[in-house]
Amino acid sequence: MRADRVEVSWDNDKSKWLVRIVNGEEVIRRHFGAPKGADDQALKTAAQKTVQDEGYEPDPAAISIKK
C-alpha cells in the first residue's frame, strides 16, 4: 500500500526531523535523527526507510521536504 503523501520537516521542539505519512484521514508522525543541515537526498532516504518501516511502499516522488 502506498501513502497519499509523505512530508519531511524540521521539528524545532524536538530538534529532529519529522516524517508525516498521510494516507486518507490517517496521519502517522515519526521523528528521526539527522543533522538540521542534511541534504535533500539524505532526508529522502531516511523518509523512505521510515515509510517502509510503517508498512507502506516507499515512493520517492511522493516525498516533499519543507525546510
C-alpha atoms as a PDB file:
ATOM      1  CA  MET A   1       0.000   0.000   0.000  1.00  0.00           C
ATOM      2  CA  ARG A   2       1.274   3.485  -0.842  1.00  0.00           C
ATOM      3  CA  ALA A   3       0.811   6.583   1.279  1.00  0.00           C
ATOM      4  CA  ASP A   4      -1.043   9.519  -0.254  1.00  0.00           C
ATOM      5  CA  ARG A   5       1.611  11.999   0.900  1.00  0.00           C
ATOM      6  CA  VAL A   6       4.879  11.988   2.799  1.00  0.00           C
ATOM      7  CA  GLU A   7       6.213  15.236   4.234  1.00  0.00           C
ATOM      8  CA  VAL A   8       9.547  15.836   5.921  1.00  0.00           C
ATOM      9  CA  SER A   9      10.043  18.940   8.066  1.00  0.00           C
ATOM     10  CA  TRP A  10      12.243  20.125  10.916  1.00  0.00           C
ATOM     11  CA  ASP A  11      10.607  19.934  14.370  1.00  0.00           C
ATOM     12  CA  ASN A  12      12.045  22.786  16.450  1.00  0.00           C
ATOM     13  CA  ASP A  13      10.550  21.447  19.690  1.00  0.00           C
ATOM     14  CA  LYS A  14      12.374  18.114  19.453  1.00  0.00           C
ATOM     15  CA  SER A  15      15.338  19.270  17.316  1.00  0.00           C
ATOM     16  CA  LYS A  16      14.750  16.327  14.983  1.00  0.00           C
ATOM     17  CA  TRP A  17      13.294  15.762  11.545  1.00  0.00           C
ATOM     18  CA  LEU A  18       9.614  14.800  11.423  1.00  0.00           C
ATOM     19  CA  VAL A  19       8.118  12.499   8.798  1.00  0.00           C
ATOM     20  CA  ARG A  20       4.354  12.819   8.313  1.00  0.00           C
ATOM     21  CA  ILE A  21       2.841   9.877   6.444  1.00  0.00           C
ATOM     22  CA  VAL A  22      -0.648  10.754   5.230  1.00  0.00           C
ATOM     23  CA  ASN A  23      -2.991   8.072   3.958  1.00  0.00           C
ATOM     24  CA  GLY A  24      -6.594   9.242   3.711  1.00  0.00           C
ATOM     25  CA  GLU A  25      -7.512  10.610   7.126  1.00  0.00           C
ATOM     26  CA  GLU A  26      -4.764   8.684   8.914  1.00  0.00           C
ATOM     27  CA  VAL A  27      -1.599  10.609   9.755  1.00  0.00           C
ATOM     28  CA  ILE A  28       1.457   8.869  11.182  1.00  0.00           C
ATOM     29  CA  ARG A  29       4.231  11.024  12.647  1.00  0.00           C
ATOM     30  CA  ARG A  30       7.722   9.701  13.226  1.00  0.00           C
ATOM     31  CA  HIS A  31      10.920  11.511  14.166  1.00  0.00           C
ATOM     32  CA  PHE A  32      14.403  10.624  13.034  1.00  0.00           C
ATOM     33  CA  GLY A  33      17.821  11.958  13.863  1.00  0.00           C
ATOM     34  CA  ALA A  34      19.742  13.688  11.102  1.00  0.00           C
ATOM     35  CA  PRO A  35      21.642  16.968  11.152  1.00  0.00           C
ATOM     36  CA  LYS A  36      19.469  20.043  10.622  1.00  0.00           C
ATOM     37  CA  GLY A  37      21.542  20.932   7.558  1.00  0.00           C
ATOM     38  CA  ALA A  38      21.192  17.470   5.950  1.00  0.00           C
ATOM     39  CA  ASP A  39      20.850  17.470   2.171  1.00  0.00           C
ATOM     40  CA  ASP A  40      17.624  16.545   0.407  1.00  0.00           C
ATOM     41  CA  GLN A  41      18.889  13.123  -0.692  1.00  0.00           C
ATOM     42  CA  ALA A  42      19.764  12.089   2.881  1.00  0.00           C
ATOM     43  CA  LEU A  43      16.345  13.251   4.090  1.00  0.00           C
ATOM     44  CA  LYS A  44      14.523  11.378   1.311  1.00  0.00           C
ATOM     45  CA  THR A  45      16.479   8.209   2.081  1.00  0.00           C
ATOM     46  CA  ALA A  46      15.609   8.430   5.794  1.00  0.00           C
ATOM     47  CA  ALA A  47      11.959   9.179   4.975  1.00  0.00           C
ATOM     48  CA  GLN A  48      11.776   6.191   2.614  1.00  0.00           C
ATOM     49  CA  LYS A  49      13.087   3.910   5.360  1.00  0.00           C
ATOM     50  CA  THR A  50      10.558   5.330   7.834  1.00  0.00           C
ATOM     51  CA  VAL A  51       7.701   4.834   5.355  1.00  0.00           C
ATOM     52  CA  GLN A  52       8.816   1.258   4.720  1.00  0.00           C
ATOM     53  CA  ASP A  53       9.120   0.565   8.472  1.00  0.00           C
ATOM     54  CA  GLU A  54       5.470   1.648   8.827  1.00  0.00           C
ATOM     55  CA  GLY A  55       4.361  -0.914   6.235  1.00  0.00           C
ATOM     56  CA  TYR A  56       3.974   1.349   3.205  1.00  0.00           C
ATOM     57  CA  GLU A  57       5.718   1.132  -0.154  1.00  0.00           C
ATOM     58  CA  PRO A  58       8.237   3.956  -0.416  1.00  0.00           C
ATOM     59  CA  ASP A  59       7.667   6.282  -3.379  1.00  0.00           C
ATOM     60  CA  PRO A  60      10.415   8.928  -3.706  1.00  0.00           C
ATOM     61  CA  ALA A  61       8.160  11.078  -5.901  1.00  0.00           C
ATOM     62  CA  ALA A  62       5.573  11.365  -3.102  1.00  0.00           C
ATOM     63  CA  ILE A  63       8.084  12.789  -0.581  1.00  0.00           C
ATOM     64  CA  SER A  64       8.114  16.553  -0.082  1.00  0.00           C
ATOM     65  CA  ILE A  65      10.733  18.296   2.034  1.00  0.00           C
ATOM     66  CA  LYS A  66       9.959  21.533   3.882  1.00  0.00           C
ATOM     67  CA  LYS A  67      12.991  23.364   5.174  1.00  0.00           C
END
